[in-house]
Amino acid sequence: MSLIDQVEAALDTIRPYLEADGGNVSVEEITPENVVKLKLLGSCGSCPMSIMTLKAGIEQAILKAVPEITGIEAINLTDIDDPNAVLPENLR
């Protein structure tokens, strides 16, 4: 199984939780150094808590399932202090 397939399988374990809040995540790239670059989709892309989702959920799921991965970066994280950030309806 390729590295991308392993990462996707790990993400599939947490996607139902992301989708419940109207969000999702896509793998944009795995660098030669085995850093996964992700794009946060839907409400995850504009949520001020997305850094927590990334660190506590997404990152843990990938690193636990795919030990070869050396790091995880989101290419479009919303800053927790961003005045334009929007919490999903069910978290307000």
N, C-alpha and C. Protein backbone atom coordinates (compact mmCIF):
# COMPACT_ATOMS: atom_id res chain seq x y z
N MET A 1 0.85 -1.19 0.00
CA MET A 1 0.00 0.00 0.00
C MET A 1 0.89 1.24 0.00
N SER A 2 0.60 2.19 -0.89
CA SER A 2 1.43 3.39 -0.99
C SER A 2 1.23 4.30 0.22
N LEU A 3 2.17 5.22 0.39
CA LEU A 3 2.11 6.17 1.50
C LEU A 3 0.82 6.98 1.45
N ILE A 4 0.47 7.45 0.26
CA ILE A 4 -0.76 8.24 0.12
C ILE A 4 -1.99 7.43 0.51
N ASP A 5 -2.02 6.15 0.13
CA ASP A 5 -3.15 5.29 0.50
C ASP A 5 -3.22 5.10 2.01
N GLN A 6 -2.07 4.96 2.65
CA GLN A 6 -2.04 4.80 4.10
C GLN A 6 -2.54 6.07 4.79
N VAL A 7 -2.11 7.23 4.29
CA VAL A 7 -2.56 8.51 4.87
C VAL A 7 -4.07 8.68 4.67
N GLU A 8 -4.54 8.37 3.47
CA GLU A 8 -5.99 8.47 3.20
C GLU A 8 -6.79 7.54 4.12
N ALA A 9 -6.28 6.33 4.34
CA ALA A 9 -6.96 5.38 5.23
C ALA A 9 -7.03 5.93 6.65
N ALA A 10 -5.94 6.56 7.10
CA ALA A 10 -5.93 7.17 8.44
C ALA A 10 -6.94 8.31 8.51
N LEU A 11 -6.99 9.12 7.46
CA LEU A 11 -7.94 10.24 7.43
C LEU A 11 -9.38 9.75 7.42
N ASP A 12 -9.62 8.62 6.75
CA ASP A 12 -10.97 8.07 6.69
C ASP A 12 -11.50 7.73 8.09
N THR A 13 -10.60 7.48 9.05
CA THR A 13 -11.06 7.15 10.40
C THR A 13 -11.60 8.38 11.12
N ILE A 14 -11.20 9.59 10.71
CA ILE A 14 -11.69 10.79 11.38
C ILE A 14 -12.60 11.65 10.51
N ARG A 15 -12.70 11.32 9.22
CA ARG A 15 -13.55 12.12 8.33
C ARG A 15 -15.00 12.24 8.81
N PRO A 16 -15.60 11.17 9.37
CA PRO A 16 -17.00 11.33 9.84
C PRO A 16 -17.15 12.46 10.85
N TYR A 17 -16.14 12.69 11.68
CA TYR A 17 -16.21 13.76 12.68
C TYR A 17 -16.09 15.12 12.01
N LEU A 18 -15.22 15.22 11.02
CA LEU A 18 -15.06 16.48 10.28
C LEU A 18 -16.33 16.79 9.50
N GLU A 19 -16.89 15.75 8.86
CA GLU A 19 -18.10 15.93 8.05
C GLU A 19 -19.30 16.31 8.92
N ALA A 20 -19.33 15.83 10.17
CA ALA A 20 -20.42 16.17 11.07
C ALA A 20 -20.47 17.67 11.33
N ASP A 21 -19.30 18.32 11.24
CA ASP A 21 -19.22 19.77 11.44
C ASP A 21 -19.20 20.52 10.11
N GLY A 22 -19.48 19.82 9.01
CA GLY A 22 -19.53 20.46 7.70
C GLY A 22 -18.17 20.68 7.06
N GLY A 23 -17.18 19.92 7.49
CA GLY A 23 -15.84 20.08 6.95
C GLY A 23 -15.28 18.80 6.38
N ASN A 24 -14.03 18.88 5.92
CA ASN A 24 -13.32 17.72 5.43
C ASN A 24 -11.86 18.12 5.25
N VAL A 25 -11.08 17.22 4.71
CA VAL A 25 -9.66 17.48 4.50
C VAL A 25 -9.22 16.73 3.26
N SER A 26 -8.29 17.33 2.51
CA SER A 26 -7.74 16.62 1.35
C SER A 26 -6.22 16.66 1.43
N VAL A 27 -5.60 15.59 0.94
CA VAL A 27 -4.14 15.52 0.88
C VAL A 27 -3.71 16.21 -0.40
N GLU A 28 -2.92 17.27 -0.27
CA GLU A 28 -2.44 18.01 -1.43
C GLU A 28 -1.12 17.44 -1.94
N GLU A 29 -0.28 16.97 -1.00
CA GLU A 29 1.06 16.53 -1.39
C GLU A 29 1.70 15.78 -0.22
N ILE A 30 2.56 14.84 -0.55
CA ILE A 30 3.48 14.27 0.43
C ILE A 30 4.87 14.58 -0.11
N THR A 31 5.63 15.38 0.62
CA THR A 31 6.94 15.82 0.15
C THR A 31 7.94 14.68 0.18
N PRO A 32 9.09 14.84 -0.48
CA PRO A 32 10.14 13.81 -0.42
C PRO A 32 10.63 13.55 1.01
N GLU A 33 10.42 14.52 1.90
CA GLU A 33 10.80 14.34 3.32
C GLU A 33 9.68 13.70 4.13
N ASN A 34 8.62 13.23 3.44
CA ASN A 34 7.46 12.60 4.09
C ASN A 34 6.66 13.55 4.97
N VAL A 35 6.57 14.81 4.56
CA VAL A 35 5.67 15.76 5.21
C VAL A 35 4.37 15.79 4.41
N VAL A 36 3.26 15.58 5.11
CA VAL A 36 1.95 15.61 4.47
C VAL A 36 1.45 17.05 4.45
N LYS A 37 1.08 17.53 3.26
CA LYS A 37 0.48 18.85 3.13
C LYS A 37 -1.00 18.66 2.88
N LEU A 38 -1.81 19.21 3.78
CA LEU A 38 -3.25 19.04 3.73
C LEU A 38 -3.95 20.34 3.41
N LYS A 39 -5.15 20.22 2.86
CA LYS A 39 -6.02 21.37 2.69
C LYS A 39 -7.28 21.11 3.49
N LEU A 40 -7.63 22.05 4.35
CA LEU A 40 -8.85 21.94 5.14
C LEU A 40 -10.01 22.45 4.28
N LEU A 41 -11.08 21.66 4.22
CA LEU A 41 -12.20 21.96 3.34
C LEU A 41 -13.46 22.31 4.12
N GLY A 42 -14.40 22.95 3.44
CA GLY A 42 -15.69 23.28 4.05
C GLY A 42 -15.51 24.15 5.28
N SER A 43 -16.27 23.86 6.32
CA SER A 43 -16.20 24.70 7.53
C SER A 43 -14.85 24.60 8.22
N CYS A 44 -14.11 23.51 8.00
CA CYS A 44 -12.78 23.39 8.62
C CYS A 44 -11.83 24.48 8.11
N GLY A 45 -12.03 24.89 6.85
CA GLY A 45 -11.16 25.90 6.26
C GLY A 45 -11.31 27.28 6.85
N SER A 46 -12.46 27.57 7.47
CA SER A 46 -12.70 28.90 8.01
C SER A 46 -12.94 28.90 9.52
N CYS A 47 -12.76 27.75 10.16
CA CYS A 47 -13.04 27.64 11.59
C CYS A 47 -11.83 28.07 12.42
N PRO A 48 -12.04 28.91 13.45
CA PRO A 48 -10.92 29.34 14.29
C PRO A 48 -10.33 28.20 15.11
N MET A 49 -11.07 27.10 15.26
CA MET A 49 -10.57 25.95 16.02
C MET A 49 -9.85 24.94 15.14
N SER A 50 -9.63 25.29 13.86
CA SER A 50 -9.04 24.33 12.92
C SER A 50 -7.64 23.89 13.35
N ILE A 51 -6.89 24.76 14.04
CA ILE A 51 -5.56 24.35 14.51
C ILE A 51 -5.70 23.22 15.53
N MET A 52 -6.73 23.26 16.34
CA MET A 52 -6.97 22.20 17.32
C MET A 52 -7.38 20.91 16.61
N THR A 53 -8.24 21.04 15.63
CA THR A 53 -8.67 19.88 14.84
C THR A 53 -7.46 19.24 14.18
N LEU A 54 -6.59 20.08 13.61
CA LEU A 54 -5.40 19.58 12.92
C LEU A 54 -4.49 18.85 13.89
N LYS A 55 -4.16 19.49 15.02
CA LYS A 55 -3.18 18.94 15.95
C LYS A 55 -3.73 17.74 16.72
N ALA A 56 -4.94 17.87 17.26
CA ALA A 56 -5.47 16.84 18.15
C ALA A 56 -6.11 15.68 17.39
N GLY A 57 -6.64 15.95 16.20
CA GLY A 57 -7.35 14.90 15.47
C GLY A 57 -6.58 14.37 14.29
N ILE A 58 -6.42 15.23 13.29
CA ILE A 58 -5.84 14.82 12.02
C ILE A 58 -4.40 14.34 12.18
N GLU A 59 -3.58 15.17 12.83
CA GLU A 59 -2.15 14.84 12.98
C GLU A 59 -1.97 13.53 13.75
N GLN A 60 -2.70 13.38 14.84
CA GLN A 60 -2.57 12.17 15.66
C GLN A 60 -2.97 10.92 14.88
N ALA A 61 -4.05 11.02 14.12
CA ALA A 61 -4.53 9.86 13.35
C ALA A 61 -3.49 9.43 12.32
N ILE A 62 -2.90 10.42 11.63
CA ILE A 62 -1.92 10.08 10.59
C ILE A 62 -0.64 9.53 11.21
N LEU A 63 -0.10 10.22 12.21
CA LEU A 63 1.18 9.79 12.79
C LEU A 63 1.08 8.41 13.45
N LYS A 64 -0.06 8.11 14.03
CA LYS A 64 -0.26 6.80 14.66
C LYS A 64 -0.32 5.70 13.61
N ALA A 65 -1.00 5.98 12.49
CA ALA A 65 -1.22 4.95 11.47
C ALA A 65 -0.05 4.82 10.50
N VAL A 66 0.69 5.92 10.28
CA VAL A 66 1.74 5.92 9.26
C VAL A 66 3.02 6.50 9.87
N PRO A 67 3.81 5.65 10.55
CA PRO A 67 5.00 6.13 11.26
C PRO A 67 6.07 6.76 10.36
N GLU A 68 6.01 6.47 9.06
CA GLU A 68 7.01 7.05 8.15
C GLU A 68 6.83 8.56 7.97
N ILE A 69 5.63 9.06 8.26
CA ILE A 69 5.36 10.49 8.08
C ILE A 69 6.11 11.28 9.15
N THR A 70 6.81 12.33 8.70
CA THR A 70 7.64 13.13 9.61
C THR A 70 6.96 14.40 10.08
N GLY A 71 5.92 14.83 9.38
CA GLY A 71 5.23 16.06 9.79
C GLY A 71 3.95 16.25 9.00
N ILE A 72 3.10 17.15 9.52
CA ILE A 72 1.83 17.45 8.88
C ILE A 72 1.66 18.96 8.88
N GLU A 73 1.33 19.50 7.70
CA GLU A 73 1.10 20.94 7.58
C GLU A 73 -0.21 21.16 6.87
N ALA A 74 -0.96 22.16 7.32
CA ALA A 74 -2.15 22.58 6.59
C ALA A 74 -1.77 23.81 5.79
N ILE A 75 -2.13 23.81 4.51
CA ILE A 75 -1.74 24.93 3.66
C ILE A 75 -2.69 26.12 3.81
N ASN A 76 -3.80 25.93 4.53
CA ASN A 76 -4.79 27.01 4.64
C ASN A 76 -5.40 27.11 6.04
N LEU A 77 -4.58 27.06 7.07
CA LEU A 77 -5.09 27.17 8.43
C LEU A 77 -5.66 28.56 8.68
N THR A 78 -6.80 28.63 9.34
CA THR A 78 -7.37 29.90 9.78
C THR A 78 -6.82 30.21 11.17
N ASP A 79 -6.29 31.41 11.33
CA ASP A 79 -5.75 31.80 12.63
C ASP A 79 -6.87 31.90 13.66
N ILE A 80 -6.58 31.50 14.89
CA ILE A 80 -7.60 31.48 15.94
C ILE A 80 -8.12 32.89 16.23
N ASP A 81 -7.32 33.92 15.91
CA ASP A 81 -7.72 35.31 16.15
C ASP A 81 -8.27 35.99 14.90
N ASP A 82 -8.42 35.26 13.81
CA ASP A 82 -8.88 35.84 12.56
C ASP A 82 -10.30 36.38 12.72
N PRO A 83 -10.52 37.68 12.46
CA PRO A 83 -11.87 38.25 12.63
C PRO A 83 -12.88 37.67 11.64
N ASN A 84 -12.41 37.06 10.55
CA ASN A 84 -13.31 36.48 9.55
C ASN A 84 -13.59 35.00 9.82
N ALA A 85 -12.97 34.43 10.84
CA ALA A 85 -13.16 33.01 11.14
C ALA A 85 -14.63 32.76 11.52
N VAL A 86 -15.13 31.59 11.13
CA VAL A 86 -16.54 31.26 11.36
C VAL A 86 -16.62 29.87 12.00
N LEU A 87 -17.25 29.79 13.16
CA LEU A 87 -17.49 28.49 13.79
C LEU A 87 -18.65 27.80 13.08
N PRO A 88 -18.57 26.49 12.89
CA PRO A 88 -19.72 25.77 12.31
C PRO A 88 -20.97 25.96 13.18
N GLU A 89 -22.13 25.93 12.55
CA GLU A 89 -23.41 26.15 13.23
C GLU A 89 -23.53 25.37 14.54
N ASN A 90 -23.21 24.09 14.49
CA ASN A 90 -23.44 23.23 15.66
C ASN A 90 -22.44 23.47 16.79
N LEU A 91 -21.43 24.32 16.57
CA LEU A 91 -20.45 24.60 17.62
C LEU A 91 -20.66 26.00 18.22
N ARG A 92 -21.63 26.74 17.70
CA ARG A 92 -21.87 28.10 18.21
C ARG A 92 -22.62 28.09 19.51
